[in-house]
Each structure stands twice: as C-alpha cells, then as structure tokens.
C-alpha cells in the first residue's frame, strides 16, 4: 500500500529519515529473491527533526545529499515513508464490489473515520479479503494529511531526489517482518519498533495490520534519563545504551521506560479486543529499531508482557552482498534497518 508511486525499477532505494539517523538501504530485485546491495547511515543534527516534523529542511537535505555521495548511490528515485498522528490507518467494512469501483465508496466512508478535512488528505486503501464471498468486504483505509506528504517530497527535491513511492511507516515495517518472520504472519503478533523519539506498535492478526499506535518514547528518553540521573554526557549515555551487556547502572532506566512501552502495548491490545470479538490475545512480540539494541530491554518487555519478545533481525531472510555494509559494523547497524529495508522491498510493477 502506498500513498502514491511513479513507476518501477529493478533496484529500489529505501530512505528512512529518522530524528537521530538517516538510514539508506538499496535492494536489487532479482528473479528469485531480493538482494541487499548497499547500506549507509548518517547522523542528523540535534533538533533538525523533532517528533517526525522537519524543523530545518536545509540541514536535513544536506545530510541526505552527503549520505548518497558517501554511499556512492546514483539513483535519484527513492521510497520514503510518512507516519505519526497525521496518518490514520483503520480497517473498515463496505459492501462488496470490484476494487476498481470502490474508491468513491471508500472516500465517503473515510469522511466518517478521518478526523481532519477530507479535501486535505491523501487517501489509499486495500481490500483485505478480495476472494471472499460475503456481502461485505474488509478494507484497510489509509489517510495522511496532504501537507505531510508534500513536506516529505519537497525535502527530497531539495536534496536532489524524487519520491518513487510514499509509503506508510507501519506498512513498510510490516513488509520487512513478513519477509524475515513468516511465522509472525499467523495468529496475533506485536511488532514494536523503538526509534529515536517514537515507538511504533503494530499489531497483526494473521499477517494483517489491525492496529497501529505511536508512543512518544524512544531512545532519546533513555539517553536523557541517563544524563539527568547519572550526570553524564550524551556520548557516554549513548555508549551505555549501545553496549552489549546489561549493567546495574542501566537496569533501572530500562525497567522504567520498558514499563512505559509495555503498558502502551497492553493498552493497544485491550482496545483492539474491546472493539472486536474476533481478536485474541497477542501470542508473540518482536522489537526493532535503535531501541532494540538497548541491553536488557527485550527481556524487560518479555517479563512485563508475559510472552517471548525477540529482537528482530531485518537480515534474517534476506540475501546480503558481501560488501553491502562497507566499513559499518553489521551487528551494530542491522537492528536500525527494519524500516529502511521494508521501504526498499517495495517494487512497483
């Protein structure tokens, strides 16, 4: 599902413009399987992007240009994503009809579910049960404020690029999980993507996203906790968060923020169960993003949620070229790439 697209290519560049880092992934779409050909990352100056909002487009565009130059990527069309409070994702039901005939009906239904002016949004939808025979059909509706999409595409233009596809971050994450964890496509599963400022919770039922929710907590909060309580600088705090072993100094902050994330997952699941009798309990959970690297966080989430929580590997089901990471440390960078890889997996026919 995409808010719009411009055509296809045998190679797709996924560009994840995060508040802390910009991540780039290049995937070559072969005849048999996708191949990860290139990965690159670049930092973003503090507060250039705040809660997903681009505060200084010039600084961010410069960082993107530098990233492409350093990576040696010549392709100008990229796949990017939008997300946050200005994106609405909702499963609805409408009378069964051909998908080609459904846009006007879905647009009318969207006016009942979208809390902002329908004339100012980009709409897309996907029929979830096209082969069923019931009177009604399930439709996944996506609506994003047009301003959000236009700001993202304008940023790319300033960086000398163009948007081949504008995706939704939760669906791009789903693409990557579907490739790497096919077992998560059965039953109820939670995908927890812990970014720099926001944690995205995506609950799947038999592989279909049925609820997406964002929490205003990410690795930045963990770092600020350490700086405030331990009296250390940001670089020392980051080194502690990116270490490979749990420490007594870190555990209290992991427990506190982990509780906050776990409660968000529980509330999302409870809302979903109250809204539909067909929804069962979450059986498994996976975490990704920069926060997945924090020592002990996955274990803390698992204990609080009383279920296995696995740190997701976006490379698990993907063939990777030998020189794809260049001088980057694969173990350090891989957890950051779930969204970028999910975007790069998109291919327009």
Protein backbone atom coordinates (compact mmCIF):
# COMPACT_ATOMS: atom_id res chain seq x y z
CA UNK A 1 0.00 0.00 0.00
CA UNK A 2 1.36 3.44 -0.91
CA UNK A 3 0.01 6.97 -0.95
CA UNK A 4 1.37 7.37 -4.44
CA UNK A 5 4.01 5.93 -6.78
CA UNK A 6 5.80 6.87 -10.00
CA UNK A 7 6.72 3.55 -11.55
CA UNK A 8 9.03 0.60 -11.16
CA UNK A 9 12.71 -0.28 -11.13
CA UNK A 10 14.81 -3.38 -10.69
CA UNK A 11 16.64 -1.57 -7.88
CA UNK A 12 14.88 0.22 -5.03
CA UNK A 13 16.42 2.73 -2.63
CA UNK A 14 14.69 2.86 0.76
CA UNK A 15 15.34 6.06 2.70
CA UNK A 16 14.41 6.17 6.38
CA UNK A 17 14.67 9.80 7.55
CA UNK A 18 14.76 9.42 11.32
CA UNK A 19 15.14 12.02 14.06
CA UNK A 20 18.56 10.68 15.05
CA UNK A 21 19.91 8.93 11.96
CA UNK A 22 19.15 8.75 8.27
CA UNK A 23 19.32 5.16 7.00
CA UNK A 24 19.64 4.08 3.39
CA UNK A 25 19.14 0.57 2.02
CA UNK A 26 19.45 -0.48 -1.63
CA UNK A 27 17.73 -3.69 -2.69
CA UNK A 28 18.14 -5.36 -6.06
CA UNK A 29 15.01 -7.23 -7.11
CA UNK A 30 16.24 -10.38 -8.79
CA UNK A 31 14.16 -13.05 -10.50
CA UNK A 32 14.20 -15.33 -7.44
CA UNK A 33 14.83 -13.20 -4.35
CA UNK A 34 15.65 -9.67 -3.23
CA UNK A 35 19.31 -8.89 -2.51
CA UNK A 36 20.56 -6.18 -0.16
CA UNK A 37 23.25 -4.41 -2.16
CA UNK A 38 24.12 -1.35 -0.07
CA UNK A 39 23.60 0.11 3.40
CA UNK A 40 24.60 3.55 4.65
CA UNK A 41 23.78 5.70 7.68
CA UNK A 42 24.36 9.35 8.58
CA UNK A 43 23.58 11.36 11.73
CA UNK A 44 21.14 14.27 11.80
CA UNK A 45 21.95 17.39 13.81
CA UNK A 46 20.04 17.54 17.10
CA UNK A 47 16.55 19.05 16.81
CA UNK A 48 16.66 19.24 13.00
CA UNK A 49 13.77 16.74 13.15
CA UNK A 50 11.51 16.75 16.21
CA UNK A 51 8.76 14.12 16.67
CA UNK A 52 8.88 13.42 12.95
CA UNK A 53 8.47 17.07 11.98
CA UNK A 54 11.27 18.51 9.89
CA UNK A 55 12.29 21.73 11.65
CA UNK A 56 15.28 22.59 9.42
CA UNK A 57 14.81 21.20 5.89
CA UNK A 58 18.10 22.65 4.64
CA UNK A 59 20.17 20.84 7.28
CA UNK A 60 18.33 17.55 6.69
CA UNK A 61 18.62 17.87 2.89
CA UNK A 62 22.37 18.45 3.25
CA UNK A 63 22.67 15.30 5.39
CA UNK A 64 20.76 13.27 2.78
CA UNK A 65 22.95 14.57 -0.06
CA UNK A 66 26.07 13.75 1.91
CA UNK A 67 24.78 10.26 2.66
CA UNK A 68 24.16 9.50 -1.03
CA UNK A 69 27.57 10.86 -2.02
CA UNK A 70 29.39 8.85 0.67
CA UNK A 71 27.47 5.69 -0.25
CA UNK A 72 28.08 6.20 -3.97
CA UNK A 73 24.37 5.77 -4.76
CA UNK A 74 23.45 7.41 -8.07
CA UNK A 75 19.75 6.53 -8.22
CA UNK A 76 17.57 9.57 -7.62
CA UNK A 77 14.15 7.97 -7.10
CA UNK A 78 13.65 6.70 -3.57
CA UNK A 79 10.96 5.16 -1.38
CA UNK A 80 10.16 7.09 1.79
CA UNK A 81 7.51 6.85 4.48
CA UNK A 82 5.23 9.10 6.50
CA UNK A 83 3.75 8.34 9.91
CA UNK A 84 2.67 9.80 13.22
CA UNK A 85 -0.51 11.49 14.39
CA UNK A 86 -1.30 12.92 10.93
CA UNK A 87 -1.66 9.43 9.44
CA UNK A 88 -4.83 7.43 10.07
CA UNK A 89 -4.94 3.65 9.50
CA UNK A 90 -8.24 1.89 10.03
CA UNK A 91 -9.91 -1.35 8.98
CA UNK A 92 -13.45 -0.74 7.75
CA UNK A 93 -16.20 -2.75 6.06
CA UNK A 94 -18.06 -1.76 2.90
CA UNK A 95 -20.42 -3.53 0.51
CA UNK A 96 -18.54 -6.00 -1.66
CA UNK A 97 -17.65 -4.68 -5.10
CA UNK A 98 -14.78 -4.63 -7.54
CA UNK A 99 -11.74 -2.82 -6.18
CA UNK A 100 -11.72 -0.59 -9.24
CA UNK A 101 -15.23 0.61 -8.30
CA UNK A 102 -14.60 1.08 -4.59
CA UNK A 103 -12.74 4.40 -4.42
CA UNK A 104 -15.80 6.68 -4.21
CA UNK A 105 -17.40 4.45 -1.57
CA UNK A 106 -14.20 4.26 0.47
CA UNK A 107 -13.74 8.03 0.20
CA UNK A 108 -17.25 8.57 1.56
CA UNK A 109 -16.58 6.10 4.41
CA UNK A 110 -13.28 7.85 5.12
CA UNK A 111 -15.15 11.03 5.97
CA UNK A 112 -16.73 9.16 8.88
CA UNK A 113 -13.38 7.96 10.25
CA UNK A 114 -10.77 10.59 9.41
CA UNK A 115 -10.64 13.45 11.96
CA UNK A 116 -9.43 16.10 9.52
CA UNK A 117 -10.71 17.73 6.33
CA UNK A 118 -11.02 15.02 3.70
CA UNK A 119 -10.12 17.55 1.00
CA UNK A 120 -6.69 17.97 2.57
CA UNK A 121 -5.64 14.31 2.71
CA UNK A 122 -4.06 11.68 0.51
CA UNK A 123 -6.17 8.51 0.56
CA UNK A 124 -5.37 4.92 -0.27
CA UNK A 125 -6.99 1.59 0.54
CA UNK A 126 -6.55 -2.12 0.08
CA UNK A 127 -9.17 -4.86 0.04
CA UNK A 128 -8.08 -7.43 2.62
CA UNK A 129 -10.35 -10.31 1.56
CA UNK A 130 -10.72 -9.98 -2.24
CA UNK A 131 -11.56 -13.66 -2.76
CA UNK A 132 -14.19 -13.94 -0.02
CA UNK A 133 -17.87 -14.27 -0.89
CA UNK A 134 -19.56 -12.33 1.92
CA UNK A 135 -21.91 -9.42 1.39
CA UNK A 136 -19.33 -7.05 2.82
CA UNK A 137 -15.56 -6.84 2.41
CA UNK A 138 -12.79 -5.77 4.78
CA UNK A 139 -10.82 -2.74 3.63
CA UNK A 140 -7.68 -1.23 5.09
CA UNK A 141 -8.02 2.55 4.85
CA UNK A 142 -5.02 4.89 5.00
CA UNK A 143 -5.30 8.66 5.11
CA UNK A 144 -2.42 11.12 5.52
CA UNK A 145 -2.55 14.88 5.61
CA UNK A 146 -1.50 16.12 2.20
CA UNK A 147 0.79 18.67 3.85
CA UNK A 148 2.73 15.82 5.48
CA UNK A 149 3.30 14.12 2.14
CA UNK A 150 4.13 17.38 0.36
CA UNK A 151 6.69 18.35 3.02
CA UNK A 152 8.44 14.99 2.66
CA UNK A 153 8.53 15.18 -1.14
CA UNK A 154 9.72 18.82 -1.02
CA UNK A 155 12.57 17.76 1.25
CA UNK A 156 13.62 15.14 -1.29
CA UNK A 157 13.55 17.71 -4.09
CA UNK A 158 15.81 19.98 -2.02
CA UNK A 159 18.18 17.03 -1.63
CA UNK A 160 18.16 16.43 -5.39
CA UNK A 161 15.92 13.34 -5.20
CA UNK A 162 12.36 12.32 -6.09
CA UNK A 163 9.81 10.10 -4.37
CA UNK A 164 9.13 6.94 -6.37
CA UNK A 165 6.75 5.80 -3.62
CA UNK A 166 5.47 7.43 -0.44
CA UNK A 167 4.67 4.58 1.93
CA UNK A 168 3.36 4.46 5.50
CA UNK A 169 5.98 3.55 8.09
CA UNK A 170 3.95 0.81 9.79
CA UNK A 171 3.30 -0.93 6.45
CA UNK A 172 6.96 -0.69 5.46
CA UNK A 173 7.91 -2.30 8.78
CA UNK A 174 5.32 -4.99 8.07
CA UNK A 175 6.96 -5.69 4.68
CA UNK A 176 10.30 -6.36 6.34
CA UNK A 177 8.79 -8.53 9.08
CA UNK A 178 6.80 -10.55 6.57
CA UNK A 179 9.97 -11.43 4.67
CA UNK A 180 12.06 -12.24 7.73
CA UNK A 181 9.49 -13.72 10.11
CA UNK A 182 6.78 -15.59 8.19
CA UNK A 183 5.74 -17.30 11.44
CA UNK A 184 4.63 -13.88 12.73
CA UNK A 185 2.01 -13.85 9.97
CA UNK A 186 -0.08 -16.45 11.83
CA UNK A 187 -2.16 -15.64 14.91
CA UNK A 188 -1.70 -12.44 16.90
CA UNK A 189 1.68 -10.73 16.98
CA UNK A 190 3.01 -7.34 18.07
CA UNK A 191 5.76 -5.53 16.21
CA UNK A 192 7.43 -2.92 18.44
CA UNK A 193 9.70 -0.51 16.57
CA UNK A 194 11.64 1.68 19.02
CA UNK A 195 13.01 4.72 17.24
CA UNK A 196 14.84 7.83 18.43
CA UNK A 197 11.73 9.71 19.57
CA UNK A 198 8.76 7.45 18.84
CA UNK A 199 7.89 3.81 19.40
CA UNK A 200 5.56 2.36 16.78
CA UNK A 201 3.32 -0.51 17.90
CA UNK A 202 1.87 -2.56 15.07
CA UNK A 203 -0.47 -5.43 15.95
CA UNK A 204 -1.03 -8.12 13.31
CA UNK A 205 -3.81 -10.66 13.04
CA UNK A 206 -2.88 -13.46 10.64
CA UNK A 207 -0.43 -11.14 8.92
CA UNK A 208 -2.85 -8.23 8.53
CA UNK A 209 -2.16 -4.97 10.44
CA UNK A 210 -5.24 -4.39 12.58
CA UNK A 211 -3.99 -1.62 14.87
CA UNK A 212 -1.13 0.87 14.74
CA UNK A 213 -0.27 3.17 17.62
CA UNK A 214 2.63 5.55 18.32
CA UNK A 215 4.13 6.21 21.76
CA UNK A 216 6.16 9.33 22.48
CA UNK A 217 9.06 7.41 23.93
CA UNK A 218 12.26 6.32 22.22
CA UNK A 219 15.99 6.06 22.69
CA UNK A 220 16.21 9.82 23.27
CA UNK A 221 14.22 9.42 26.51
CA UNK A 222 16.56 6.65 27.71
CA UNK A 223 19.56 8.87 26.97
CA UNK A 224 18.05 11.88 28.73
CA UNK A 225 17.26 9.72 31.78
CA UNK A 226 20.88 8.63 32.00
CA UNK A 227 22.22 12.15 31.51
CA UNK A 228 19.92 13.63 34.14
CA UNK A 229 20.19 10.93 36.79
CA UNK A 230 23.80 9.84 36.28
CA UNK A 231 25.25 13.23 35.42
CA UNK A 232 26.98 12.01 32.27
CA UNK A 233 27.33 13.49 28.77
CA UNK A 234 25.32 12.46 25.74
CA UNK A 235 28.19 10.48 24.18
CA UNK A 236 28.73 8.44 27.35
CA UNK A 237 24.98 7.85 27.62
CA UNK A 238 24.84 6.65 24.01
CA UNK A 239 27.76 4.27 24.58
CA UNK A 240 25.95 2.79 27.58
CA UNK A 241 22.74 2.33 25.59
CA UNK A 242 24.56 0.78 22.65
CA UNK A 243 26.64 -1.62 24.74
CA UNK A 244 26.26 -5.37 24.53
CA UNK A 245 25.91 -6.15 28.25
CA UNK A 246 23.41 -5.24 30.94
CA UNK A 247 24.78 -3.13 33.79
CA UNK A 248 23.35 -2.21 37.22
CA UNK A 249 23.66 1.46 36.24
CA UNK A 250 21.41 0.99 33.21
CA UNK A 251 18.84 -1.52 34.51
CA UNK A 252 16.60 0.96 36.46
CA UNK A 253 16.10 3.13 33.38
CA UNK A 254 15.44 0.12 31.16
CA UNK A 255 12.86 -1.09 33.68
CA UNK A 256 11.12 2.30 33.85
CA UNK A 257 10.95 3.06 30.13
CA UNK A 258 10.35 -0.60 29.31
CA UNK A 259 7.30 -0.48 31.57
CA UNK A 260 6.05 2.55 29.66
CA UNK A 261 6.39 0.77 26.32
CA UNK A 262 4.84 -2.45 27.66
CA UNK A 263 1.83 -0.56 29.02
CA UNK A 264 1.38 1.01 25.58
CA UNK A 265 1.33 -2.45 24.01
CA UNK A 266 -1.16 -3.73 26.61
CA UNK A 267 -3.48 -0.77 26.12
CA UNK A 268 -3.39 -1.17 22.34
CA UNK A 269 -4.23 -4.88 22.69
CA UNK A 270 -7.03 -4.17 25.18
CA UNK A 271 -8.56 -1.55 22.88
CA UNK A 272 -8.43 -3.97 19.98
CA UNK A 273 -10.08 -6.77 21.96
CA UNK A 274 -12.83 -4.45 23.17
CA UNK A 275 -13.54 -3.35 19.61
CA UNK A 276 -13.75 -6.82 18.06
CA UNK A 277 -14.78 -10.25 19.33
CA UNK A 278 -12.65 -11.89 16.64
CA UNK A 279 -9.37 -10.67 18.16
CA UNK A 280 -7.48 -12.92 20.56
CA UNK A 281 -4.54 -12.30 22.85
CA UNK A 282 -1.13 -11.42 21.47
CA UNK A 283 0.98 -14.57 21.30
CA UNK A 284 4.42 -13.19 20.45
CA UNK A 285 6.22 -9.89 20.06
CA UNK A 286 9.27 -8.60 18.20
CA UNK A 287 11.22 -5.39 18.72
CA UNK A 288 13.34 -3.48 16.23
CA UNK A 289 14.84 -0.04 15.74
CA UNK A 290 17.66 1.62 17.65
CA UNK A 291 15.97 0.83 20.96
CA UNK A 292 16.16 -2.89 20.26
CA UNK A 293 19.91 -2.63 20.90
CA UNK A 294 19.48 -1.39 24.49
CA UNK A 295 20.82 -4.15 26.76
CA UNK A 296 18.07 -5.94 28.65
CA UNK A 297 15.13 -4.10 27.07
CA UNK A 298 13.74 -7.09 25.14
CA UNK A 299 13.93 -9.22 28.30
CA UNK A 300 12.22 -6.49 30.32
CA UNK A 301 9.40 -6.22 27.77
CA UNK A 302 9.00 -10.01 27.72
CA UNK A 303 8.73 -10.22 31.51
CA UNK A 304 6.20 -7.40 31.67
CA UNK A 305 4.11 -8.70 28.76
CA UNK A 306 4.47 -12.36 29.86
CA UNK A 307 5.42 -13.54 26.38
CA UNK A 308 8.56 -14.06 24.30
CA UNK A 309 9.94 -10.79 22.89
CA UNK A 310 12.56 -11.32 20.21
CA UNK A 311 14.97 -8.72 18.85
CA UNK A 312 14.10 -8.80 15.15
CA UNK A 313 16.82 -9.24 12.57
CA UNK A 314 15.95 -7.47 9.28
CA UNK A 315 18.63 -9.55 7.52
CA UNK A 316 17.35 -12.96 8.65
CA UNK A 317 15.54 -13.83 5.42
CA UNK A 318 17.44 -11.52 3.09
CA UNK A 319 20.46 -12.29 0.95
CA UNK A 320 23.18 -9.70 1.55
CA UNK A 321 26.03 -8.83 -0.78
CA UNK A 322 29.45 -9.30 0.76
CA UNK A 323 30.35 -5.59 0.60
CA UNK A 324 26.88 -4.19 1.34
CA UNK A 325 27.86 -2.74 4.73
CA UNK A 326 31.29 -1.47 3.73
CA UNK A 327 33.15 -0.44 6.89
CA UNK A 328 29.99 -0.43 9.05
CA UNK A 329 29.66 -2.91 11.93
CA UNK A 330 26.83 -5.24 10.88
CA UNK A 331 25.85 -6.18 14.45
CA UNK A 332 25.54 -2.52 15.45
CA UNK A 333 23.75 -1.26 12.33
CA UNK A 334 21.42 -4.14 11.40
CA UNK A 335 18.77 -3.51 14.12
CA UNK A 336 18.39 0.05 12.79
CA UNK A 337 17.45 -1.07 9.28
CA UNK A 338 13.99 -2.63 9.59
CA UNK A 339 12.17 0.40 8.20
CA UNK A 340 14.73 1.22 5.50
CA UNK A 341 14.72 -2.39 4.30
CA UNK A 342 10.93 -2.53 4.41
CA UNK A 343 10.85 0.55 2.17
CA UNK A 344 13.45 -0.86 -0.21
CA UNK A 345 11.45 -4.08 -0.56
CA UNK A 346 8.70 -2.10 -2.27
CA UNK A 347 8.63 -2.58 -6.02
CA UNK A 348 6.11 -1.09 -8.40
CA UNK A 349 5.06 -3.41 -11.20
